[in-house]
């Protein structure tokens, strides 16, 4: 992931949602997240250089969309921290991020807290908030990751299922450790934690992938 722009840090989540929605109306892939400080931070972008990120931020300032900003460099991401401290911290952070969304509604096509998540949107958002890019669909996520045996699963890896009939991947969850995973199950349900041994999912398990090695 490249340079990104942070536009605000809010104590009230509604303010973060409003800014995120305004940026999305302008065609920007913005998102907000609950930081450990208790503030809700808004970020967007994946720029190849600090100069490119700053140019876009200045454009938003001129347009009156934002008042202030700062550029977040790749070194600030959890992936960079993992290179220094090892992958364990990153894996824990991925699971903690996924756990923070438990109870939010499923929404087909959703990939943000304000609109809800579908299964692959949840995985993508959780990884994005920790400095990692994922493809959008569960099938693409399955194809792009590194194959992993079930016995080798670790926190933060992705587990995949064929829930639409046949053997094609159609569902994904974030492995949380202790034989459980966090996922957005489907319409009318909320994000939750389930055991891999659950009869429904055990019968439809197609494999695991890691992006963390």
N, C-alpha and C. Protein backbone atom coordinates (compact mmCIF):
# COMPACT_ATOMS: atom_id res chain seq x y z
N UNK A 1 0.85 -1.18 0.00
CA UNK A 1 0.00 0.00 0.00
C UNK A 1 0.88 1.24 0.00
N UNK A 2 0.49 2.28 -0.74
CA UNK A 2 1.29 3.49 -0.85
C UNK A 2 0.94 4.54 0.18
N UNK A 3 1.13 5.79 -0.19
CA UNK A 3 0.82 6.90 0.70
C UNK A 3 -0.69 7.13 0.72
N UNK A 4 -1.20 7.49 1.88
CA UNK A 4 -2.62 7.78 2.01
C UNK A 4 -2.81 9.11 2.73
N UNK A 5 -4.02 9.64 2.66
CA UNK A 5 -4.32 10.95 3.24
C UNK A 5 -5.27 10.78 4.41
N UNK A 6 -4.92 11.35 5.54
CA UNK A 6 -5.84 11.41 6.67
C UNK A 6 -6.38 12.82 6.78
N UNK A 7 -7.71 12.93 6.78
CA UNK A 7 -8.35 14.24 6.77
C UNK A 7 -8.90 14.67 8.11
N UNK A 8 -9.15 13.74 9.00
CA UNK A 8 -9.77 14.16 10.25
C UNK A 8 -9.69 13.09 11.31
N UNK A 9 -9.88 13.51 12.55
CA UNK A 9 -9.97 12.60 13.69
C UNK A 9 -11.09 13.16 14.57
N UNK A 10 -12.16 12.40 14.71
CA UNK A 10 -13.37 12.91 15.35
C UNK A 10 -13.72 12.10 16.59
N UNK A 11 -14.25 12.79 17.58
CA UNK A 11 -14.71 12.10 18.78
C UNK A 11 -16.12 11.56 18.59
N UNK A 12 -16.85 12.10 17.60
CA UNK A 12 -18.22 11.67 17.31
C UNK A 12 -18.23 10.94 15.98
N UNK A 13 -18.71 9.71 15.97
CA UNK A 13 -18.64 8.88 14.76
C UNK A 13 -19.44 9.48 13.61
N UNK A 14 -20.55 10.17 13.91
CA UNK A 14 -21.38 10.75 12.84
C UNK A 14 -20.59 11.75 12.00
N UNK A 15 -19.67 12.46 12.63
CA UNK A 15 -18.86 13.42 11.87
C UNK A 15 -17.90 12.70 10.91
N UNK A 16 -17.36 11.58 11.35
CA UNK A 16 -16.49 10.78 10.49
C UNK A 16 -17.29 10.20 9.33
N UNK A 17 -18.50 9.77 9.61
CA UNK A 17 -19.36 9.21 8.56
C UNK A 17 -19.69 10.26 7.52
N UNK A 18 -20.02 11.47 7.97
CA UNK A 18 -20.38 12.54 7.02
C UNK A 18 -19.21 12.86 6.09
N UNK A 19 -18.00 12.96 6.64
CA UNK A 19 -16.85 13.26 5.79
C UNK A 19 -16.58 12.11 4.84
N UNK A 20 -16.68 10.89 5.33
CA UNK A 20 -16.47 9.72 4.47
C UNK A 20 -17.46 9.71 3.31
N UNK A 21 -18.73 9.99 3.60
CA UNK A 21 -19.75 10.00 2.55
C UNK A 21 -19.51 11.11 1.54
N UNK A 22 -19.07 12.28 2.01
CA UNK A 22 -18.77 13.38 1.10
C UNK A 22 -17.63 13.02 0.16
N UNK A 23 -16.62 12.39 0.68
CA UNK A 23 -15.49 11.97 -0.15
C UNK A 23 -15.90 10.88 -1.14
N UNK A 24 -16.77 9.97 -0.70
CA UNK A 24 -17.24 8.92 -1.60
C UNK A 24 -18.08 9.50 -2.73
N UNK A 25 -18.85 10.57 -2.44
CA UNK A 25 -19.63 11.21 -3.50
C UNK A 25 -18.72 11.82 -4.56
N UNK A 26 -17.50 12.11 -4.19
CA UNK A 26 -16.53 12.65 -5.14
C UNK A 26 -15.72 11.55 -5.83
N UNK A 27 -16.15 10.31 -5.61
CA UNK A 27 -15.49 9.20 -6.26
C UNK A 27 -14.24 8.71 -5.58
N UNK A 28 -14.05 9.09 -4.32
CA UNK A 28 -12.86 8.69 -3.57
C UNK A 28 -13.17 7.51 -2.67
N UNK A 29 -12.28 6.56 -2.61
CA UNK A 29 -12.48 5.35 -1.81
C UNK A 29 -12.09 5.62 -0.36
N UNK A 30 -12.92 6.37 0.32
CA UNK A 30 -12.63 6.78 1.69
C UNK A 30 -13.17 5.77 2.70
N UNK A 31 -12.58 5.76 3.87
CA UNK A 31 -13.05 4.91 4.94
C UNK A 31 -12.70 5.55 6.28
N UNK A 32 -13.41 5.13 7.32
CA UNK A 32 -13.06 5.61 8.66
C UNK A 32 -12.86 4.40 9.55
N UNK A 33 -12.16 4.60 10.65
CA UNK A 33 -11.92 3.52 11.59
C UNK A 33 -11.78 4.07 12.99
N UNK A 34 -12.03 3.21 13.97
CA UNK A 34 -11.97 3.59 15.38
C UNK A 34 -10.56 3.34 15.87
N UNK A 35 -9.82 4.41 16.11
CA UNK A 35 -8.43 4.31 16.54
C UNK A 35 -8.36 3.97 18.03
N UNK A 36 -7.22 3.43 18.44
CA UNK A 36 -7.04 3.07 19.85
C UNK A 36 -7.13 4.27 20.79
N UNK A 37 -6.96 5.48 20.26
CA UNK A 37 -7.09 6.69 21.07
C UNK A 37 -8.53 7.00 21.40
N UNK A 38 -9.47 6.28 20.75
CA UNK A 38 -10.89 6.56 20.94
C UNK A 38 -11.48 7.46 19.87
N UNK A 39 -10.62 8.01 19.01
CA UNK A 39 -11.09 8.88 17.94
C UNK A 39 -11.42 8.09 16.68
N UNK A 40 -12.31 8.66 15.85
CA UNK A 40 -12.65 8.07 14.57
C UNK A 40 -11.88 8.82 13.49
N UNK A 41 -11.01 8.11 12.78
CA UNK A 41 -10.15 8.74 11.80
C UNK A 41 -10.62 8.42 10.39
N UNK A 42 -10.47 9.39 9.50
CA UNK A 42 -10.89 9.24 8.11
C UNK A 42 -9.67 9.26 7.20
N UNK A 43 -9.57 8.28 6.32
CA UNK A 43 -8.46 8.21 5.38
C UNK A 43 -8.95 7.79 3.99
N UNK A 44 -8.15 8.09 2.99
CA UNK A 44 -8.41 7.56 1.66
C UNK A 44 -7.13 7.59 0.85
N UNK A 45 -7.14 6.82 -0.23
CA UNK A 45 -6.07 6.91 -1.21
C UNK A 45 -5.03 5.83 -1.10
N UNK A 46 -4.33 5.66 -2.20
CA UNK A 46 -3.21 4.72 -2.31
C UNK A 46 -2.29 5.30 -3.37
N UNK A 47 -1.49 6.30 -2.97
CA UNK A 47 -0.70 7.09 -3.91
C UNK A 47 0.74 6.59 -3.99
N UNK A 48 1.34 6.67 -5.17
CA UNK A 48 2.70 6.15 -5.34
C UNK A 48 3.78 7.00 -4.68
N UNK A 49 3.46 8.27 -4.37
CA UNK A 49 4.46 9.14 -3.77
C UNK A 49 3.79 10.13 -2.82
N UNK A 50 4.61 10.70 -1.92
CA UNK A 50 4.10 11.72 -1.00
C UNK A 50 3.61 12.93 -1.77
N UNK A 51 4.30 13.26 -2.87
CA UNK A 51 3.93 14.43 -3.67
C UNK A 51 2.56 14.26 -4.30
N UNK A 52 2.27 13.06 -4.80
CA UNK A 52 0.97 12.80 -5.43
C UNK A 52 -0.15 12.89 -4.40
N UNK A 53 0.09 12.36 -3.20
CA UNK A 53 -0.91 12.43 -2.14
C UNK A 53 -1.15 13.87 -1.72
N UNK A 54 -0.07 14.64 -1.56
CA UNK A 54 -0.20 16.03 -1.14
C UNK A 54 -0.94 16.86 -2.19
N UNK A 55 -0.71 16.58 -3.46
CA UNK A 55 -1.38 17.33 -4.53
C UNK A 55 -2.89 17.12 -4.46
N UNK A 56 -3.31 15.88 -4.22
CA UNK A 56 -4.74 15.60 -4.11
C UNK A 56 -5.32 16.25 -2.86
N UNK A 57 -4.59 16.20 -1.76
CA UNK A 57 -5.07 16.82 -0.53
C UNK A 57 -5.24 18.32 -0.70
N UNK A 58 -4.30 18.97 -1.35
CA UNK A 58 -4.40 20.41 -1.58
C UNK A 58 -5.59 20.74 -2.47
N UNK A 59 -5.88 19.87 -3.41
CA UNK A 59 -7.06 20.06 -4.26
C UNK A 59 -8.33 20.06 -3.42
N UNK A 60 -8.40 19.16 -2.42
CA UNK A 60 -9.57 19.09 -1.55
C UNK A 60 -9.65 20.31 -0.63
N UNK A 61 -8.51 20.80 -0.18
CA UNK A 61 -8.49 22.01 0.63
C UNK A 61 -9.01 23.20 -0.18
N UNK A 62 -8.54 23.33 -1.41
CA UNK A 62 -8.98 24.43 -2.28
C UNK A 62 -10.48 24.37 -2.55
N UNK A 63 -10.99 23.14 -2.67
CA UNK A 63 -12.42 22.95 -2.93
C UNK A 63 -13.27 23.15 -1.68
N UNK A 64 -12.62 23.28 -0.52
CA UNK A 64 -13.35 23.47 0.72
C UNK A 64 -13.88 22.20 1.35
N UNK A 65 -13.45 21.05 0.83
CA UNK A 65 -13.93 19.78 1.36
C UNK A 65 -13.30 19.47 2.71
N UNK A 66 -12.02 19.81 2.86
CA UNK A 66 -11.33 19.58 4.13
C UNK A 66 -10.57 20.84 4.52
N UNK A 67 -10.26 20.93 5.80
CA UNK A 67 -9.52 22.09 6.31
C UNK A 67 -8.05 21.77 6.51
N UNK A 68 -7.78 20.55 6.92
CA UNK A 68 -6.40 20.17 7.22
C UNK A 68 -6.23 18.69 6.92
N UNK A 69 -4.98 18.29 6.82
CA UNK A 69 -4.70 16.89 6.50
C UNK A 69 -3.27 16.57 6.89
N UNK A 70 -2.96 15.29 6.88
CA UNK A 70 -1.55 14.90 6.88
C UNK A 70 -1.40 13.63 6.07
N UNK A 71 -0.20 13.45 5.55
CA UNK A 71 0.09 12.31 4.70
C UNK A 71 0.63 11.16 5.55
N UNK A 72 0.02 10.00 5.40
CA UNK A 72 0.45 8.81 6.12
C UNK A 72 1.33 8.00 5.17
N UNK A 73 2.56 7.75 5.57
CA UNK A 73 3.49 7.03 4.71
C UNK A 73 3.37 5.53 4.90
N UNK A 74 3.85 4.75 3.94
CA UNK A 74 3.79 3.29 4.09
C UNK A 74 4.47 2.79 5.36
N UNK A 75 5.46 3.52 5.84
CA UNK A 75 6.17 3.10 7.05
C UNK A 75 5.30 3.14 8.29
N UNK A 76 4.17 3.88 8.18
CA UNK A 76 3.27 3.97 9.32
C UNK A 76 2.29 2.81 9.39
N UNK A 77 2.24 1.99 8.34
CA UNK A 77 1.27 0.92 8.29
C UNK A 77 1.72 -0.27 9.14
N UNK A 78 0.77 -1.09 9.49
CA UNK A 78 1.08 -2.28 10.28
C UNK A 78 1.98 -3.24 9.53
N UNK A 79 1.86 -3.28 8.22
CA UNK A 79 2.72 -4.17 7.44
C UNK A 79 4.18 -3.80 7.65
N UNK A 80 4.45 -2.51 7.65
CA UNK A 80 5.82 -2.06 7.87
C UNK A 80 6.26 -2.42 9.29
N UNK A 81 5.37 -2.25 10.25
CA UNK A 81 5.70 -2.62 11.62
C UNK A 81 6.00 -4.11 11.73
N UNK A 82 5.28 -4.90 10.92
CA UNK A 82 5.49 -6.34 10.97
C UNK A 82 6.88 -6.71 10.48
N UNK A 83 7.39 -5.95 9.54
CA UNK A 83 8.73 -6.24 9.04
C UNK A 83 9.77 -6.01 10.14
N UNK A 84 9.46 -5.08 11.05
CA UNK A 84 10.40 -4.75 12.12
C UNK A 84 10.21 -5.66 13.33
N UNK A 85 8.96 -5.86 13.72
CA UNK A 85 8.68 -6.56 14.96
C UNK A 85 8.21 -8.00 14.77
N UNK A 86 7.99 -8.42 13.52
CA UNK A 86 7.49 -9.75 13.24
C UNK A 86 5.99 -9.70 13.01
N UNK A 87 5.43 -10.80 12.44
CA UNK A 87 4.03 -10.79 12.02
C UNK A 87 3.00 -10.93 13.13
N UNK A 88 3.43 -11.31 14.34
CA UNK A 88 2.45 -11.59 15.39
C UNK A 88 1.60 -10.37 15.71
N UNK A 89 2.24 -9.20 15.87
CA UNK A 89 1.48 -8.00 16.19
C UNK A 89 0.46 -7.69 15.12
N UNK A 90 0.83 -7.83 13.86
CA UNK A 90 -0.08 -7.55 12.76
C UNK A 90 -1.26 -8.51 12.79
N UNK A 91 -0.99 -9.77 13.03
CA UNK A 91 -2.08 -10.75 13.09
C UNK A 91 -3.08 -10.41 14.21
N UNK A 92 -2.56 -10.04 15.35
CA UNK A 92 -3.44 -9.66 16.46
C UNK A 92 -4.27 -8.43 16.10
N UNK A 93 -3.64 -7.47 15.44
CA UNK A 93 -4.36 -6.25 15.07
C UNK A 93 -5.46 -6.54 14.05
N UNK A 94 -5.20 -7.44 13.12
CA UNK A 94 -6.22 -7.81 12.14
C UNK A 94 -7.43 -8.42 12.84
N UNK A 95 -7.18 -9.32 13.77
CA UNK A 95 -8.29 -9.94 14.51
C UNK A 95 -9.03 -8.91 15.35
N UNK A 96 -8.30 -8.03 16.02
CA UNK A 96 -8.94 -6.99 16.83
C UNK A 96 -9.81 -6.09 15.96
N UNK A 97 -9.33 -5.77 14.76
CA UNK A 97 -10.12 -4.94 13.86
C UNK A 97 -11.40 -5.67 13.47
N UNK A 98 -11.29 -6.94 13.11
CA UNK A 98 -12.47 -7.72 12.73
C UNK A 98 -13.45 -7.81 13.90
N UNK A 99 -12.94 -8.01 15.09
CA UNK A 99 -13.80 -8.11 16.27
C UNK A 99 -14.56 -6.81 16.53
N UNK A 100 -13.96 -5.68 16.15
CA UNK A 100 -14.62 -4.39 16.39
C UNK A 100 -15.88 -4.23 15.55
N UNK A 101 -16.02 -5.05 14.50
CA UNK A 101 -17.18 -4.95 13.61
C UNK A 101 -18.28 -5.96 13.95
N UNK A 102 -18.03 -6.83 14.94
CA UNK A 102 -19.04 -7.82 15.32
C UNK A 102 -20.33 -7.11 15.74
N UNK A 103 -21.44 -7.57 15.20
CA UNK A 103 -22.74 -6.97 15.49
C UNK A 103 -23.24 -6.03 14.42
N UNK A 104 -22.36 -5.59 13.52
CA UNK A 104 -22.80 -4.74 12.41
C UNK A 104 -23.56 -5.57 11.40
N UNK A 105 -24.49 -4.97 10.65
CA UNK A 105 -25.33 -5.74 9.73
C UNK A 105 -24.61 -6.19 8.47
N UNK A 106 -25.06 -7.32 7.94
CA UNK A 106 -24.63 -7.75 6.61
C UNK A 106 -25.32 -6.87 5.57
N UNK A 107 -24.55 -6.49 4.56
CA UNK A 107 -25.15 -5.79 3.42
C UNK A 107 -24.40 -6.19 2.16
N UNK A 108 -25.12 -6.73 1.21
CA UNK A 108 -24.49 -7.17 -0.03
C UNK A 108 -23.85 -5.98 -0.74
N UNK A 109 -22.58 -6.14 -1.10
CA UNK A 109 -21.85 -5.05 -1.75
C UNK A 109 -21.24 -4.06 -0.78
N UNK A 110 -21.51 -4.21 0.52
CA UNK A 110 -21.02 -3.25 1.51
C UNK A 110 -19.58 -3.50 1.91
N UNK A 111 -18.86 -2.40 2.15
CA UNK A 111 -17.45 -2.53 2.54
C UNK A 111 -17.03 -1.45 3.52
N UNK A 112 -18.00 -0.89 4.30
CA UNK A 112 -17.66 0.12 5.28
C UNK A 112 -18.61 0.02 6.46
N UNK A 113 -18.21 0.50 7.65
CA UNK A 113 -19.05 0.37 8.84
C UNK A 113 -20.38 1.09 8.73
N UNK A 114 -20.44 2.21 8.00
CA UNK A 114 -21.68 2.96 7.95
C UNK A 114 -22.73 2.29 7.08
N UNK A 115 -22.33 1.48 6.10
CA UNK A 115 -23.31 0.83 5.23
C UNK A 115 -23.46 -0.66 5.53
N UNK A 116 -22.54 -1.22 6.31
CA UNK A 116 -22.54 -2.65 6.54
C UNK A 116 -21.56 -3.34 5.60
N UNK A 117 -21.37 -4.64 5.81
CA UNK A 117 -20.40 -5.39 5.03
C UNK A 117 -21.01 -6.64 4.43
N UNK A 118 -20.51 -7.03 3.26
CA UNK A 118 -20.67 -8.42 2.86
C UNK A 118 -19.38 -9.14 3.26
N UNK A 119 -19.29 -10.44 2.99
CA UNK A 119 -18.17 -11.20 3.56
C UNK A 119 -16.81 -10.73 3.03
N UNK A 120 -16.70 -10.54 1.72
CA UNK A 120 -15.41 -10.13 1.17
C UNK A 120 -15.13 -8.66 1.45
N UNK A 121 -16.18 -7.85 1.56
CA UNK A 121 -16.00 -6.44 1.92
C UNK A 121 -15.46 -6.30 3.33
N UNK A 122 -15.90 -7.18 4.22
CA UNK A 122 -15.38 -7.18 5.59
C UNK A 122 -13.89 -7.53 5.60
N UNK A 123 -13.53 -8.61 4.90
CA UNK A 123 -12.12 -9.01 4.86
C UNK A 123 -11.26 -7.91 4.25
N UNK A 124 -11.74 -7.30 3.18
CA UNK A 124 -10.99 -6.24 2.52
C UNK A 124 -10.79 -5.05 3.44
N UNK A 125 -11.86 -4.63 4.13
CA UNK A 125 -11.78 -3.47 5.01
C UNK A 125 -10.86 -3.74 6.20
N UNK A 126 -10.96 -4.93 6.78
CA UNK A 126 -10.11 -5.28 7.92
C UNK A 126 -8.64 -5.22 7.52
N UNK A 127 -8.31 -5.76 6.37
CA UNK A 127 -6.93 -5.72 5.90
C UNK A 127 -6.50 -4.30 5.54
N UNK A 128 -7.39 -3.57 4.88
CA UNK A 128 -7.06 -2.20 4.49
C UNK A 128 -6.76 -1.34 5.70
N UNK A 129 -7.51 -1.52 6.76
CA UNK A 129 -7.29 -0.74 7.97
C UNK A 129 -5.99 -1.10 8.67
N UNK A 130 -5.37 -2.17 8.23
CA UNK A 130 -4.08 -2.57 8.77
C UNK A 130 -2.97 -2.48 7.72
N UNK A 131 -3.22 -1.70 6.67
CA UNK A 131 -2.19 -1.39 5.70
C UNK A 131 -1.97 -2.41 4.61
N UNK A 132 -2.94 -3.30 4.40
CA UNK A 132 -2.80 -4.35 3.38
C UNK A 132 -3.95 -4.26 2.38
N UNK A 133 -3.63 -4.42 1.12
CA UNK A 133 -4.65 -4.43 0.08
C UNK A 133 -5.08 -5.86 -0.25
N UNK A 134 -6.39 -6.05 -0.43
CA UNK A 134 -6.94 -7.31 -0.87
C UNK A 134 -7.79 -7.08 -2.11
N UNK A 135 -7.94 -8.10 -2.97
CA UNK A 135 -8.94 -7.99 -4.03
C UNK A 135 -10.33 -7.87 -3.42
N UNK A 136 -11.33 -7.51 -4.21
CA UNK A 136 -12.66 -7.23 -3.67
C UNK A 136 -13.50 -8.48 -3.44
N UNK A 137 -13.48 -9.43 -4.36
CA UNK A 137 -14.38 -10.57 -4.23
C UNK A 137 -13.72 -11.73 -3.49
N UNK A 138 -14.54 -12.59 -2.88
CA UNK A 138 -13.99 -13.73 -2.15
C UNK A 138 -13.24 -14.66 -3.09
N UNK A 139 -13.72 -14.83 -4.31
CA UNK A 139 -13.04 -15.71 -5.26
C UNK A 139 -11.67 -15.16 -5.62
N UNK A 140 -11.59 -13.85 -5.83
CA UNK A 140 -10.30 -13.22 -6.14
C UNK A 140 -9.36 -13.30 -4.94
N UNK A 141 -9.90 -13.12 -3.75
CA UNK A 141 -9.07 -13.23 -2.54
C UNK A 141 -8.52 -14.64 -2.39
N UNK A 142 -9.31 -15.62 -2.73
CA UNK A 142 -8.89 -17.02 -2.66
C UNK A 142 -7.78 -17.29 -3.67
N UNK A 143 -7.93 -16.75 -4.87
CA UNK A 143 -6.96 -17.00 -5.94
C UNK A 143 -5.63 -16.29 -5.68
N UNK A 144 -5.69 -15.09 -5.08
CA UNK A 144 -4.48 -14.27 -4.94
C UNK A 144 -3.63 -14.63 -3.74
N UNK A 145 -4.22 -15.23 -2.71
CA UNK A 145 -3.47 -15.54 -1.51
C UNK A 145 -2.57 -16.76 -1.66
N UNK A 146 -1.72 -16.97 -0.67
CA UNK A 146 -0.85 -18.14 -0.64
C UNK A 146 -1.56 -19.30 0.03
N UNK A 147 -1.58 -20.45 -0.64
CA UNK A 147 -2.30 -21.61 -0.13
C UNK A 147 -1.77 -22.02 1.24
N UNK A 148 -2.70 -22.44 2.07
CA UNK A 148 -2.36 -22.75 3.47
C UNK A 148 -3.15 -23.97 3.91
N UNK A 149 -2.47 -24.94 4.53
CA UNK A 149 -3.17 -26.09 5.08
C UNK A 149 -3.96 -25.66 6.32
N UNK A 150 -5.05 -26.33 6.55
CA UNK A 150 -5.88 -25.98 7.70
C UNK A 150 -5.10 -26.09 9.01
N UNK A 151 -4.21 -27.04 9.08
CA UNK A 151 -3.41 -27.23 10.29
C UNK A 151 -2.43 -26.08 10.52
N UNK A 152 -2.17 -25.30 9.47
CA UNK A 152 -1.23 -24.19 9.58
C UNK A 152 -1.89 -22.84 9.79
N UNK A 153 -3.21 -22.82 10.01
CA UNK A 153 -3.93 -21.56 10.19
C UNK A 153 -3.40 -20.78 11.39
N UNK A 154 -3.29 -19.47 11.22
CA UNK A 154 -2.92 -18.57 12.31
C UNK A 154 -3.83 -17.36 12.26
N UNK A 155 -3.90 -16.63 13.34
CA UNK A 155 -4.75 -15.44 13.42
C UNK A 155 -4.52 -14.53 12.21
N UNK A 156 -5.62 -14.04 11.65
CA UNK A 156 -5.52 -13.10 10.55
C UNK A 156 -5.54 -13.73 9.17
N UNK A 157 -5.36 -15.04 9.07
CA UNK A 157 -5.47 -15.71 7.78
C UNK A 157 -6.94 -15.72 7.35
N UNK A 158 -7.17 -16.03 6.09
CA UNK A 158 -8.53 -16.04 5.55
C UNK A 158 -8.98 -17.47 5.29
N UNK A 159 -10.21 -17.77 5.64
CA UNK A 159 -10.80 -19.09 5.41
C UNK A 159 -11.96 -18.94 4.43
N UNK A 160 -12.10 -19.93 3.54
CA UNK A 160 -13.04 -19.81 2.42
C UNK A 160 -14.00 -21.00 2.37
N UNK A 161 -15.20 -20.70 1.86
CA UNK A 161 -16.27 -21.68 1.83
C UNK A 161 -17.03 -21.60 0.51
N UNK A 162 -17.66 -22.72 0.14
CA UNK A 162 -18.54 -22.77 -1.03
C UNK A 162 -19.97 -22.83 -0.50
N UNK A 163 -20.62 -21.67 -0.39
CA UNK A 163 -21.95 -21.61 0.22
C UNK A 163 -23.06 -21.40 -0.81
N UNK A 164 -22.69 -21.38 -2.09
CA UNK A 164 -23.70 -21.13 -3.13
C UNK A 164 -23.94 -22.36 -3.99
N UNK A 165 -23.55 -23.52 -3.48
CA UNK A 165 -23.67 -24.75 -4.26
C UNK A 165 -22.41 -25.01 -5.05
N UNK A 166 -22.11 -26.26 -5.31
CA UNK A 166 -20.90 -26.59 -6.05
C UNK A 166 -19.67 -26.44 -5.18
N UNK A 167 -18.53 -26.26 -5.82
CA UNK A 167 -17.27 -26.19 -5.11
C UNK A 167 -16.56 -24.86 -5.26
N UNK A 168 -17.21 -23.89 -5.91
CA UNK A 168 -16.58 -22.59 -6.13
C UNK A 168 -16.67 -21.72 -4.88
N UNK A 169 -15.58 -21.03 -4.60
CA UNK A 169 -15.53 -20.15 -3.43
C UNK A 169 -16.57 -19.04 -3.53
N UNK A 170 -17.34 -18.87 -2.47
CA UNK A 170 -18.36 -17.81 -2.47
C UNK A 170 -18.47 -17.11 -1.11
N UNK A 171 -17.65 -17.52 -0.15
CA UNK A 171 -17.74 -16.91 1.19
C UNK A 171 -16.35 -16.92 1.83
N UNK A 172 -16.07 -15.88 2.63
CA UNK A 172 -14.76 -15.75 3.27
C UNK A 172 -14.92 -15.23 4.69
N UNK A 173 -14.02 -15.64 5.55
CA UNK A 173 -13.99 -15.12 6.92
C UNK A 173 -12.55 -14.92 7.36
N UNK A 174 -12.39 -14.17 8.44
CA UNK A 174 -11.06 -13.91 9.02
C UNK A 174 -10.85 -14.87 10.19
N UNK A 175 -9.80 -15.68 10.10
CA UNK A 175 -9.53 -16.63 11.17
C UNK A 175 -9.10 -15.89 12.42
N UNK A 176 -9.76 -16.22 13.55
CA UNK A 176 -9.53 -15.49 14.80
C UNK A 176 -8.75 -16.30 15.83
N UNK A 177 -8.34 -17.51 15.46
CA UNK A 177 -7.65 -18.37 16.42
C UNK A 177 -8.62 -19.29 17.15
N UNK A 178 -8.10 -20.31 17.78
CA UNK A 178 -8.90 -21.26 18.56
C UNK A 178 -10.02 -21.89 17.75
N UNK A 179 -9.78 -22.11 16.46
CA UNK A 179 -10.76 -22.79 15.63
C UNK A 179 -11.98 -21.98 15.27
N UNK A 180 -11.90 -20.66 15.40
CA UNK A 180 -13.06 -19.80 15.12
C UNK A 180 -12.71 -18.75 14.07
N UNK A 181 -13.73 -18.24 13.42
CA UNK A 181 -13.52 -17.21 12.40
C UNK A 181 -14.61 -16.16 12.50
N UNK A 182 -14.30 -14.95 12.02
CA UNK A 182 -15.22 -13.83 12.05
C UNK A 182 -15.65 -13.55 10.62
N UNK A 183 -16.96 -13.38 10.41
CA UNK A 183 -17.46 -13.22 9.05
C UNK A 183 -18.81 -12.53 9.04
N UNK A 184 -19.22 -12.12 7.85
CA UNK A 184 -20.55 -11.56 7.62
C UNK A 184 -21.37 -12.65 6.94
N UNK A 185 -22.25 -13.34 7.68
CA UNK A 185 -22.87 -14.58 7.19
C UNK A 185 -23.81 -14.43 6.00
N UNK A 186 -24.64 -13.40 5.99
CA UNK A 186 -25.59 -13.27 4.90
C UNK A 186 -26.73 -12.33 5.26
N UNK A 187 -27.63 -12.15 4.32
CA UNK A 187 -28.74 -11.20 4.49
C UNK A 187 -29.54 -11.48 5.76
N UNK A 188 -29.88 -10.40 6.46
CA UNK A 188 -30.67 -10.50 7.68
C UNK A 188 -29.86 -10.89 8.90
N UNK A 189 -28.53 -11.03 8.74
CA UNK A 189 -27.69 -11.43 9.86
C UNK A 189 -26.64 -10.36 10.13
N UNK A 190 -25.94 -10.53 11.22
CA UNK A 190 -24.90 -9.57 11.59
C UNK A 190 -23.54 -10.26 11.62
N UNK A 191 -22.50 -9.46 11.57
CA UNK A 191 -21.13 -9.99 11.65
C UNK A 191 -20.97 -10.71 12.98
N UNK A 192 -20.38 -11.90 12.92
CA UNK A 192 -20.29 -12.70 14.14
C UNK A 192 -19.07 -13.62 14.08
N UNK A 193 -18.83 -14.30 15.18
CA UNK A 193 -17.76 -15.28 15.29
C UNK A 193 -18.39 -16.67 15.31
N UNK A 194 -17.88 -17.58 14.48
CA UNK A 194 -18.39 -18.95 14.42
C UNK A 194 -17.23 -19.93 14.46
N UNK A 195 -17.49 -21.17 14.94
CA UNK A 195 -16.44 -22.20 14.91
C UNK A 195 -16.33 -22.82 13.52
N UNK A 196 -15.12 -23.13 13.11
CA UNK A 196 -14.93 -23.85 11.84
C UNK A 196 -15.57 -25.23 11.89
N UNK A 197 -15.76 -25.74 13.10
CA UNK A 197 -16.36 -27.07 13.26
C UNK A 197 -17.88 -27.06 13.11
N UNK A 198 -18.49 -25.87 13.00
CA UNK A 198 -19.92 -25.78 12.78
C UNK A 198 -20.29 -26.63 11.56
N UNK A 199 -21.33 -27.43 11.71
CA UNK A 199 -21.66 -28.39 10.66
C UNK A 199 -21.83 -27.77 9.28
N UNK A 200 -22.51 -26.64 9.23
CA UNK A 200 -22.77 -26.00 7.94
C UNK A 200 -21.47 -25.58 7.28
N UNK A 201 -20.60 -24.90 8.02
CA UNK A 201 -19.36 -24.39 7.43
C UNK A 201 -18.31 -25.49 7.26
N UNK A 202 -18.30 -26.46 8.15
CA UNK A 202 -17.34 -27.56 8.01
C UNK A 202 -17.58 -28.31 6.71
N UNK A 203 -18.84 -28.48 6.35
CA UNK A 203 -19.18 -29.21 5.13
C UNK A 203 -18.88 -28.41 3.87
N UNK A 204 -18.72 -27.11 3.99
CA UNK A 204 -18.53 -26.25 2.82
C UNK A 204 -17.15 -25.60 2.76
N UNK A 205 -16.27 -25.99 3.66
CA UNK A 205 -14.92 -25.44 3.72
C UNK A 205 -14.14 -25.85 2.47
N UNK A 206 -13.51 -24.85 1.81
CA UNK A 206 -12.74 -25.17 0.59
C UNK A 206 -11.26 -24.88 0.74
N UNK A 207 -10.86 -24.17 1.78
CA UNK A 207 -9.43 -23.92 1.95
C UNK A 207 -9.14 -22.63 2.67
N UNK A 208 -7.84 -22.39 2.87
CA UNK A 208 -7.38 -21.18 3.56
C UNK A 208 -6.27 -20.53 2.74
N UNK A 209 -6.14 -19.22 2.92
CA UNK A 209 -5.10 -18.46 2.24
C UNK A 209 -4.49 -17.48 3.24
N UNK A 210 -3.20 -17.23 3.06
CA UNK A 210 -2.55 -16.22 3.89
C UNK A 210 -1.95 -15.14 3.01
N UNK A 211 -1.94 -13.93 3.54
CA UNK A 211 -1.29 -12.78 2.90
C UNK A 211 -0.20 -12.23 3.82
N UNK A 212 0.13 -12.99 4.86
CA UNK A 212 0.94 -12.45 5.95
C UNK A 212 2.29 -13.12 6.09
N UNK A 213 2.76 -13.77 5.04
CA UNK A 213 4.07 -14.40 5.12
C UNK A 213 5.00 -13.81 4.09
